[in-house]
All heavy atoms as atom14 arrays in JSON, in Angstrom:
{
  "sequence": "REELIAWYNRNGYVATGAREPFPASDVHIPITNQPLEFIVME",
  "atom14_mask": [
    [1, 1, 1, 1, 1, 1, 1, 1, 1, 1, 1, 0, 0, 0],
    [1, 1, 1, 1, 1, 1, 1, 1, 1, 0, 0, 0, 0, 0],
    [1, 1, 1, 1, 1, 1, 1, 1, 1, 0, 0, 0, 0, 0],
    [1, 1, 1, 1, 1, 1, 1, 1, 0, 0, 0, 0, 0, 0],
    [1, 1, 1, 1, 1, 1, 1, 1, 0, 0, 0, 0, 0, 0],
    [1, 1, 1, 1, 1, 0, 0, 0, 0, 0, 0, 0, 0, 0],
    [1, 1, 1, 1, 1, 1, 1, 1, 1, 1, 1, 1, 1, 1],
    [1, 1, 1, 1, 1, 1, 1, 1, 1, 1, 1, 1, 0, 0],
    [1, 1, 1, 1, 1, 1, 1, 1, 0, 0, 0, 0, 0, 0],
    [1, 1, 1, 1, 1, 1, 1, 1, 1, 1, 1, 0, 0, 0],
    [1, 1, 1, 1, 1, 1, 1, 1, 0, 0, 0, 0, 0, 0],
    [1, 1, 1, 1, 0, 0, 0, 0, 0, 0, 0, 0, 0, 0],
    [1, 1, 1, 1, 1, 1, 1, 1, 1, 1, 1, 1, 0, 0],
    [1, 1, 1, 1, 1, 1, 1, 0, 0, 0, 0, 0, 0, 0],
    [1, 1, 1, 1, 1, 0, 0, 0, 0, 0, 0, 0, 0, 0],
    [1, 1, 1, 1, 1, 1, 1, 0, 0, 0, 0, 0, 0, 0],
    [1, 1, 1, 1, 0, 0, 0, 0, 0, 0, 0, 0, 0, 0],
    [1, 1, 1, 1, 1, 0, 0, 0, 0, 0, 0, 0, 0, 0],
    [1, 1, 1, 1, 1, 1, 1, 1, 1, 1, 1, 0, 0, 0],
    [1, 1, 1, 1, 1, 1, 1, 1, 1, 0, 0, 0, 0, 0],
    [1, 1, 1, 1, 1, 1, 1, 0, 0, 0, 0, 0, 0, 0],
    [1, 1, 1, 1, 1, 1, 1, 1, 1, 1, 1, 0, 0, 0],
    [1, 1, 1, 1, 1, 1, 1, 0, 0, 0, 0, 0, 0, 0],
    [1, 1, 1, 1, 1, 0, 0, 0, 0, 0, 0, 0, 0, 0],
    [1, 1, 1, 1, 1, 1, 0, 0, 0, 0, 0, 0, 0, 0],
    [1, 1, 1, 1, 1, 1, 1, 1, 0, 0, 0, 0, 0, 0],
    [1, 1, 1, 1, 1, 1, 1, 0, 0, 0, 0, 0, 0, 0],
    [1, 1, 1, 1, 1, 1, 1, 1, 1, 1, 0, 0, 0, 0],
    [1, 1, 1, 1, 1, 1, 1, 1, 0, 0, 0, 0, 0, 0],
    [1, 1, 1, 1, 1, 1, 1, 0, 0, 0, 0, 0, 0, 0],
    [1, 1, 1, 1, 1, 1, 1, 1, 0, 0, 0, 0, 0, 0],
    [1, 1, 1, 1, 1, 1, 1, 0, 0, 0, 0, 0, 0, 0],
    [1, 1, 1, 1, 1, 1, 1, 1, 0, 0, 0, 0, 0, 0],
    [1, 1, 1, 1, 1, 1, 1, 1, 1, 0, 0, 0, 0, 0],
    [1, 1, 1, 1, 1, 1, 1, 0, 0, 0, 0, 0, 0, 0],
    [1, 1, 1, 1, 1, 1, 1, 1, 0, 0, 0, 0, 0, 0],
    [1, 1, 1, 1, 1, 1, 1, 1, 1, 0, 0, 0, 0, 0],
    [1, 1, 1, 1, 1, 1, 1, 1, 1, 1, 1, 0, 0, 0],
    [1, 1, 1, 1, 1, 1, 1, 1, 0, 0, 0, 0, 0, 0],
    [1, 1, 1, 1, 1, 1, 1, 0, 0, 0, 0, 0, 0, 0],
    [1, 1, 1, 1, 1, 1, 1, 1, 0, 0, 0, 0, 0, 0],
    [1, 1, 1, 1, 1, 1, 1, 1, 1, 0, 0, 0, 0, 0]
  ],
  "atom14_positions": [
    [[-0.87, -26.37, 91.23], [-0.77, -27.64, 91.95], [-1.45, -27.56, 93.32], [-0.84, -27.71, 94.35], [0.68, -28.07, 92.15], [1.5, -28.11, 90.87], [1.2, -29.28, 89.94], [1.01, -30.55, 90.65], [2.02, -31.31, 91.06], [3.27, -30.95, 90.91], [1.76, -32.45, 91.68], [0.0, 0.0, 0.0], [0.0, 0.0, 0.0], [0.0, 0.0, 0.0]],
    [[-2.78, -27.28, 93.29], [-3.52, -27.01, 94.52], [-3.45, -28.11, 95.54], [-3.33, -27.89, 96.74], [-4.98, -26.65, 94.14], [-5.1, -25.36, 93.42], [-6.51, -25.06, 92.88], [-7.45, -25.78, 93.31], [-6.61, -24.14, 92.06], [0.0, 0.0, 0.0], [0.0, 0.0, 0.0], [0.0, 0.0, 0.0], [0.0, 0.0, 0.0], [0.0, 0.0, 0.0]],
    [[-3.53, -29.4, 95.07], [-3.48, -30.52, 96.02], [-2.14, -30.64, 96.69], [-2.04, -30.98, 97.85], [-3.87, -31.83, 95.33], [-2.81, -32.43, 94.34], [-2.55, -31.61, 93.06], [-3.38, -30.71, 92.67], [-1.53, -31.84, 92.42], [0.0, 0.0, 0.0], [0.0, 0.0, 0.0], [0.0, 0.0, 0.0], [0.0, 0.0, 0.0], [0.0, 0.0, 0.0]],
    [[-1.07, -30.29, 95.96], [0.29, -30.32, 96.56], [0.46, -29.15, 97.55], [1.01, -29.35, 98.62], [1.29, -30.24, 95.42], [2.73, -30.57, 95.77], [2.85, -31.96, 96.4], [3.6, -30.49, 94.53], [0.0, 0.0, 0.0], [0.0, 0.0, 0.0], [0.0, 0.0, 0.0], [0.0, 0.0, 0.0], [0.0, 0.0, 0.0], [0.0, 0.0, 0.0]],
    [[-0.05, -27.99, 97.16], [0.06, -26.84, 98.1], [-0.72, -27.17, 99.38], [-0.25, -26.89, 100.5], [-0.56, -25.57, 97.4], [0.37, -25.14, 96.27], [-0.74, -24.45, 98.42], [-0.18, -24.13, 95.27], [0.0, 0.0, 0.0], [0.0, 0.0, 0.0], [0.0, 0.0, 0.0], [0.0, 0.0, 0.0], [0.0, 0.0, 0.0], [0.0, 0.0, 0.0]],
    [[-1.89, -27.8, 99.27], [-2.68, -28.19, 100.48], [-1.89, -29.17, 101.31], [-1.9, -29.11, 102.57], [-4.03, -28.77, 100.05], [0.0, 0.0, 0.0], [0.0, 0.0, 0.0], [0.0, 0.0, 0.0], [0.0, 0.0, 0.0], [0.0, 0.0, 0.0], [0.0, 0.0, 0.0], [0.0, 0.0, 0.0], [0.0, 0.0, 0.0], [0.0, 0.0, 0.0]],
    [[-1.19, -30.1, 100.7], [-0.39, -31.1, 101.43], [0.73, -30.42, 102.21], [0.98, -30.68, 103.4], [0.19, -32.17, 100.48], [0.96, -33.25, 101.17], [0.39, -34.36, 101.76], [2.36, -33.38, 101.37], [1.41, -35.17, 102.31], [2.6, -34.58, 102.08], [3.45, -32.59, 101.0], [3.89, -34.98, 102.44], [4.7, -32.98, 101.34], [4.93, -34.19, 102.09]],
    [[1.43, -29.44, 101.57], [2.48, -28.69, 102.24], [1.89, -27.88, 103.37], [2.48, -27.77, 104.46], [3.26, -27.8, 101.28], [4.24, -28.58, 100.45], [4.24, -28.62, 99.09], [5.31, -29.3, 101.08], [5.13, -29.33, 98.33], [6.24, -30.0, 100.32], [6.18, -30.0, 98.99], [7.04, -30.72, 98.21], [0.0, 0.0, 0.0], [0.0, 0.0, 0.0]],
    [[0.7, -27.28, 103.19], [0.01, -26.56, 104.25], [-0.19, -27.46, 105.46], [0.04, -27.05, 106.59], [-1.34, -26.0, 103.82], [-1.24, -24.77, 102.93], [-2.12, -24.55, 102.07], [-0.22, -24.01, 103.06], [0.0, 0.0, 0.0], [0.0, 0.0, 0.0], [0.0, 0.0, 0.0], [0.0, 0.0, 0.0], [0.0, 0.0, 0.0], [0.0, 0.0, 0.0]],
    [[-0.66, -28.67, 105.22], [-0.9, -29.64, 106.33], [0.4, -30.03, 107.05], [0.34, -30.46, 108.19], [-1.61, -30.9, 105.8], [-3.05, -30.67, 105.33], [-3.8, -31.96, 105.12], [-3.24, -32.82, 104.1], [-3.48, -32.72, 102.77], [-4.25, -31.76, 102.31], [-2.93, -33.58, 101.93], [0.0, 0.0, 0.0], [0.0, 0.0, 0.0], [0.0, 0.0, 0.0]],
    [[1.51, -29.81, 106.36], [2.8, -30.12, 106.98], [3.54, -28.87, 107.49], [4.72, -28.92, 107.7], [3.66, -30.91, 105.98], [3.18, -32.34, 105.88], [3.46, -33.16, 106.77], [2.45, -32.68, 104.85], [0.0, 0.0, 0.0], [0.0, 0.0, 0.0], [0.0, 0.0, 0.0], [0.0, 0.0, 0.0], [0.0, 0.0, 0.0], [0.0, 0.0, 0.0]],
    [[2.75, -27.8, 107.67], [3.33, -26.59, 108.33], [3.88, -25.52, 107.43], [4.39, -24.52, 107.93], [0.0, 0.0, 0.0], [0.0, 0.0, 0.0], [0.0, 0.0, 0.0], [0.0, 0.0, 0.0], [0.0, 0.0, 0.0], [0.0, 0.0, 0.0], [0.0, 0.0, 0.0], [0.0, 0.0, 0.0], [0.0, 0.0, 0.0], [0.0, 0.0, 0.0]],
    [[3.79, -25.69, 106.1], [4.29, -24.7, 105.19], [3.2, -23.71, 104.86], [2.03, -24.08, 104.72], [4.82, -25.34, 103.9], [6.11, -26.09, 104.17], [6.1, -27.35, 104.74], [7.35, -25.51, 103.88], [7.31, -28.04, 105.01], [8.53, -26.15, 104.16], [8.52, -27.45, 104.7], [9.65, -28.08, 105.01], [0.0, 0.0, 0.0], [0.0, 0.0, 0.0]],
    [[3.54, -22.42, 104.7], [2.58, -21.42, 104.39], [3.08, -20.59, 103.17], [4.26, -20.41, 102.99], [2.3, -20.43, 105.57], [1.67, -21.18, 106.73], [3.57, -19.75, 106.03], [0.0, 0.0, 0.0], [0.0, 0.0, 0.0], [0.0, 0.0, 0.0], [0.0, 0.0, 0.0], [0.0, 0.0, 0.0], [0.0, 0.0, 0.0], [0.0, 0.0, 0.0]],
    [[2.14, -20.17, 102.36], [2.46, -19.33, 101.22], [2.91, -17.94, 101.77], [2.33, -17.4, 102.68], [1.26, -19.16, 100.29], [0.0, 0.0, 0.0], [0.0, 0.0, 0.0], [0.0, 0.0, 0.0], [0.0, 0.0, 0.0], [0.0, 0.0, 0.0], [0.0, 0.0, 0.0], [0.0, 0.0, 0.0], [0.0, 0.0, 0.0], [0.0, 0.0, 0.0]],
    [[4.0, -17.42, 101.18], [4.5, -16.13, 101.63], [3.86, -14.96, 100.92], [4.02, -13.84, 101.31], [6.04, -16.06, 101.36], [6.24, -16.08, 99.92], [6.81, -17.19, 102.01], [0.0, 0.0, 0.0], [0.0, 0.0, 0.0], [0.0, 0.0, 0.0], [0.0, 0.0, 0.0], [0.0, 0.0, 0.0], [0.0, 0.0, 0.0], [0.0, 0.0, 0.0]],
    [[3.15, -15.28, 99.83], [2.58, -14.23, 98.97], [3.49, -13.91, 97.81], [3.04, -13.27, 96.82], [0.0, 0.0, 0.0], [0.0, 0.0, 0.0], [0.0, 0.0, 0.0], [0.0, 0.0, 0.0], [0.0, 0.0, 0.0], [0.0, 0.0, 0.0], [0.0, 0.0, 0.0], [0.0, 0.0, 0.0], [0.0, 0.0, 0.0], [0.0, 0.0, 0.0]],
    [[4.75, -14.32, 97.87], [5.69, -14.05, 96.79], [5.45, -15.04, 95.63], [5.0, -16.17, 95.84], [7.14, -14.22, 97.25], [0.0, 0.0, 0.0], [0.0, 0.0, 0.0], [0.0, 0.0, 0.0], [0.0, 0.0, 0.0], [0.0, 0.0, 0.0], [0.0, 0.0, 0.0], [0.0, 0.0, 0.0], [0.0, 0.0, 0.0], [0.0, 0.0, 0.0]],
    [[5.68, -14.57, 94.44], [5.55, -15.4, 93.2], [6.81, -15.32, 92.41], [7.51, -14.29, 92.44], [4.39, -14.88, 92.33], [3.03, -14.84, 93.06], [2.28, -16.1, 92.85], [1.0, -16.09, 93.58], [0.06, -16.91, 93.29], [0.15, -17.75, 92.24], [-1.07, -16.95, 93.96], [0.0, 0.0, 0.0], [0.0, 0.0, 0.0], [0.0, 0.0, 0.0]],
    [[7.12, -16.36, 91.68], [8.25, -16.36, 90.77], [7.82, -16.86, 89.42], [6.99, -17.73, 89.34], [9.38, -17.26, 91.32], [9.98, -16.73, 92.58], [11.1, -17.64, 93.16], [11.45, -18.61, 92.49], [11.57, -17.35, 94.24], [0.0, 0.0, 0.0], [0.0, 0.0, 0.0], [0.0, 0.0, 0.0], [0.0, 0.0, 0.0], [0.0, 0.0, 0.0]],
    [[8.43, -16.34, 88.33], [8.0, -16.81, 87.03], [8.45, -18.26, 86.78], [9.45, -18.65, 87.34], [8.79, -15.85, 86.07], [9.87, -15.29, 86.86], [9.45, -15.29, 88.31], [0.0, 0.0, 0.0], [0.0, 0.0, 0.0], [0.0, 0.0, 0.0], [0.0, 0.0, 0.0], [0.0, 0.0, 0.0], [0.0, 0.0, 0.0], [0.0, 0.0, 0.0]],
    [[7.66, -18.93, 86.01], [8.06, -20.32, 85.63], [9.1, -20.24, 84.57], [8.92, -19.49, 83.58], [6.8, -21.1, 85.11], [7.05, -22.56, 84.98], [7.03, -23.4, 86.06], [7.39, -23.08, 83.74], [7.28, -24.76, 85.95], [7.67, -24.44, 83.59], [7.63, -25.28, 84.71], [0.0, 0.0, 0.0], [0.0, 0.0, 0.0], [0.0, 0.0, 0.0]],
    [[10.19, -20.97, 84.71], [11.32, -20.79, 83.74], [10.94, -21.4, 82.37], [10.41, -22.46, 82.21], [12.47, -21.62, 84.37], [11.75, -22.67, 85.21], [10.47, -21.99, 85.71], [0.0, 0.0, 0.0], [0.0, 0.0, 0.0], [0.0, 0.0, 0.0], [0.0, 0.0, 0.0], [0.0, 0.0, 0.0], [0.0, 0.0, 0.0], [0.0, 0.0, 0.0]],
    [[11.26, -20.62, 81.37], [11.14, -21.12, 79.99], [12.43, -21.92, 79.69], [13.5, -21.44, 79.88], [11.03, -19.95, 79.01], [0.0, 0.0, 0.0], [0.0, 0.0, 0.0], [0.0, 0.0, 0.0], [0.0, 0.0, 0.0], [0.0, 0.0, 0.0], [0.0, 0.0, 0.0], [0.0, 0.0, 0.0], [0.0, 0.0, 0.0], [0.0, 0.0, 0.0]],
    [[12.21, -23.17, 79.27], [13.39, -23.96, 78.93], [12.96, -25.09, 78.0], [11.8, -25.34, 77.74], [14.03, -24.58, 80.2], [13.28, -25.67, 80.67], [0.0, 0.0, 0.0], [0.0, 0.0, 0.0], [0.0, 0.0, 0.0], [0.0, 0.0, 0.0], [0.0, 0.0, 0.0], [0.0, 0.0, 0.0], [0.0, 0.0, 0.0], [0.0, 0.0, 0.0]],
    [[13.98, -25.79, 77.47], [13.69, -26.91, 76.6], [13.52, -28.2, 77.39], [13.31, -29.27, 76.85], [14.76, -27.08, 75.52], [16.14, -27.22, 76.11], [16.28, -27.12, 77.38], [17.1, -27.37, 75.36], [0.0, 0.0, 0.0], [0.0, 0.0, 0.0], [0.0, 0.0, 0.0], [0.0, 0.0, 0.0], [0.0, 0.0, 0.0], [0.0, 0.0, 0.0]],
    [[13.57, -28.13, 78.73], [13.44, -29.3, 79.59], [12.01, -29.34, 80.11], [11.32, -30.35, 80.0], [14.42, -29.25, 80.76], [14.22, -30.46, 81.71], [15.86, -29.27, 80.21], [0.0, 0.0, 0.0], [0.0, 0.0, 0.0], [0.0, 0.0, 0.0], [0.0, 0.0, 0.0], [0.0, 0.0, 0.0], [0.0, 0.0, 0.0], [0.0, 0.0, 0.0]],
    [[11.54, -28.28, 80.69], [10.18, -28.19, 81.26], [9.25, -27.57, 80.22], [9.25, -26.34, 80.06], [10.2, -27.39, 82.57], [11.25, -27.76, 83.54], [11.26, -28.97, 84.17], [12.36, -27.11, 83.96], [12.3, -29.06, 84.96], [12.99, -27.96, 84.85], [0.0, 0.0, 0.0], [0.0, 0.0, 0.0], [0.0, 0.0, 0.0], [0.0, 0.0, 0.0]],
    [[8.5, -28.39, 79.53], [7.67, -27.94, 78.41], [6.21, -27.89, 78.78], [5.62, -28.94, 78.98], [7.92, -28.85, 77.18], [9.4, -28.94, 76.84], [7.09, -28.37, 76.0], [9.76, -30.13, 75.96], [0.0, 0.0, 0.0], [0.0, 0.0, 0.0], [0.0, 0.0, 0.0], [0.0, 0.0, 0.0], [0.0, 0.0, 0.0], [0.0, 0.0, 0.0]],
    [[5.65, -26.71, 78.98], [4.21, -26.63, 79.37], [3.33, -27.18, 78.26], [3.54, -26.96, 77.09], [4.0, -25.11, 79.52], [5.34, -24.5, 79.73], [6.28, -25.38, 78.95], [0.0, 0.0, 0.0], [0.0, 0.0, 0.0], [0.0, 0.0, 0.0], [0.0, 0.0, 0.0], [0.0, 0.0, 0.0], [0.0, 0.0, 0.0], [0.0, 0.0, 0.0]],
    [[2.3, -27.92, 78.66], [1.31, -28.51, 77.76], [-0.06, -28.1, 78.23], [-1.08, -28.82, 77.93], [1.45, -30.03, 77.61], [1.36, -30.72, 78.95], [2.71, -30.34, 76.87], [1.28, -32.25, 78.87], [0.0, 0.0, 0.0], [0.0, 0.0, 0.0], [0.0, 0.0, 0.0], [0.0, 0.0, 0.0], [0.0, 0.0, 0.0], [0.0, 0.0, 0.0]],
    [[-0.19, -27.0, 78.91], [-1.46, -26.53, 79.38], [-1.64, -25.05, 78.98], [-0.64, -24.39, 78.73], [-1.59, -26.64, 80.93], [-2.82, -26.15, 81.32], [-0.47, -25.87, 81.63], [0.0, 0.0, 0.0], [0.0, 0.0, 0.0], [0.0, 0.0, 0.0], [0.0, 0.0, 0.0], [0.0, 0.0, 0.0], [0.0, 0.0, 0.0], [0.0, 0.0, 0.0]],
    [[-2.9, -24.64, 78.88], [-3.13, -23.23, 78.57], [-3.13, -22.36, 79.82], [-3.13, -21.14, 79.75], [-4.47, -23.09, 77.84], [-4.44, -23.67, 76.44], [-3.38, -23.67, 75.83], [-5.55, -24.2, 76.02], [0.0, 0.0, 0.0], [0.0, 0.0, 0.0], [0.0, 0.0, 0.0], [0.0, 0.0, 0.0], [0.0, 0.0, 0.0], [0.0, 0.0, 0.0]],
    [[-3.11, -23.05, 81.0], [-3.06, -22.29, 82.26], [-1.68, -21.58, 82.38], [-0.66, -22.2, 82.09], [-3.21, -23.23, 83.44], [-4.57, -23.87, 83.53], [-4.57, -24.92, 84.7], [-4.06, -25.98, 84.56], [-5.16, -24.5, 85.8], [0.0, 0.0, 0.0], [0.0, 0.0, 0.0], [0.0, 0.0, 0.0], [0.0, 0.0, 0.0], [0.0, 0.0, 0.0]],
    [[-1.69, -20.31, 82.83], [-0.41, -19.67, 83.05], [0.28, -20.3, 84.26], [-0.36, -20.6, 85.24], [-0.75, -18.22, 83.32], [-2.21, -18.23, 83.7], [-2.84, -19.42, 83.06], [0.0, 0.0, 0.0], [0.0, 0.0, 0.0], [0.0, 0.0, 0.0], [0.0, 0.0, 0.0], [0.0, 0.0, 0.0], [0.0, 0.0, 0.0], [0.0, 0.0, 0.0]],
    [[1.58, -20.64, 84.09], [2.32, -21.29, 85.13], [3.26, -20.32, 85.81], [3.92, -19.54, 85.14], [3.13, -22.47, 84.61], [2.35, -23.58, 83.91], [3.27, -24.67, 83.42], [1.29, -24.16, 84.84], [0.0, 0.0, 0.0], [0.0, 0.0, 0.0], [0.0, 0.0, 0.0], [0.0, 0.0, 0.0], [0.0, 0.0, 0.0], [0.0, 0.0, 0.0]],
    [[3.24, -20.33, 87.13], [4.16, -19.57, 87.93], [4.36, -20.36, 89.25], [3.61, -21.25, 89.56], [3.66, -18.14, 88.2], [2.42, -18.07, 89.02], [1.95, -16.66, 89.3], [2.68, -15.67, 89.06], [0.82, -16.49, 89.77], [0.0, 0.0, 0.0], [0.0, 0.0, 0.0], [0.0, 0.0, 0.0], [0.0, 0.0, 0.0], [0.0, 0.0, 0.0]],
    [[5.4, -19.96, 89.97], [5.65, -20.57, 91.25], [5.12, -19.69, 92.4], [5.25, -18.47, 92.32], [7.17, -20.71, 91.5], [7.82, -21.8, 90.65], [8.73, -21.43, 89.68], [7.53, -23.11, 90.82], [9.36, -22.38, 88.91], [8.14, -24.08, 90.07], [9.05, -23.73, 89.1], [0.0, 0.0, 0.0], [0.0, 0.0, 0.0], [0.0, 0.0, 0.0]],
    [[4.55, -20.32, 93.39], [4.29, -19.62, 94.64], [5.42, -20.03, 95.59], [5.97, -21.14, 95.54], [2.91, -19.88, 95.25], [2.8, -21.34, 95.76], [1.82, -19.57, 94.29], [1.65, -21.53, 96.69], [0.0, 0.0, 0.0], [0.0, 0.0, 0.0], [0.0, 0.0, 0.0], [0.0, 0.0, 0.0], [0.0, 0.0, 0.0], [0.0, 0.0, 0.0]],
    [[5.83, -19.12, 96.44], [6.88, -19.37, 97.41], [6.18, -19.71, 98.75], [5.31, -19.05, 99.21], [7.79, -18.12, 97.6], [8.85, -18.39, 98.65], [8.41, -17.73, 96.24], [0.0, 0.0, 0.0], [0.0, 0.0, 0.0], [0.0, 0.0, 0.0], [0.0, 0.0, 0.0], [0.0, 0.0, 0.0], [0.0, 0.0, 0.0], [0.0, 0.0, 0.0]],
    [[6.64, -20.86, 99.31], [6.14, -21.33, 100.6], [7.29, -21.43, 101.57], [8.45, -21.58, 101.13], [5.42, -22.72, 100.45], [4.28, -22.69, 99.52], [3.38, -24.22, 99.44], [2.39, -24.11, 100.96], [0.0, 0.0, 0.0], [0.0, 0.0, 0.0], [0.0, 0.0, 0.0], [0.0, 0.0, 0.0], [0.0, 0.0, 0.0], [0.0, 0.0, 0.0]],
    [[7.0, -21.29, 102.86], [8.03, -21.42, 103.84], [7.55, -22.06, 105.13], [6.33, -22.06, 105.41], [8.68, -20.1, 104.15], [7.83, -19.14, 104.92], [8.47, -17.79, 105.25], [9.39, -17.4, 104.5], [8.06, -17.19, 106.22], [0.0, 0.0, 0.0], [0.0, 0.0, 0.0], [0.0, 0.0, 0.0], [0.0, 0.0, 0.0], [0.0, 0.0, 0.0]]
  ]
}
């Protein structure tokens, strides 16, 4: 979500370098071939 990350950057949030796995569930169903993970911002 590069455009969203850029918006948070403009609002003072920075990436910490930490990553978290995207949760596998029956609610959030990936429909892309891109690997999904979370970046941590603060």
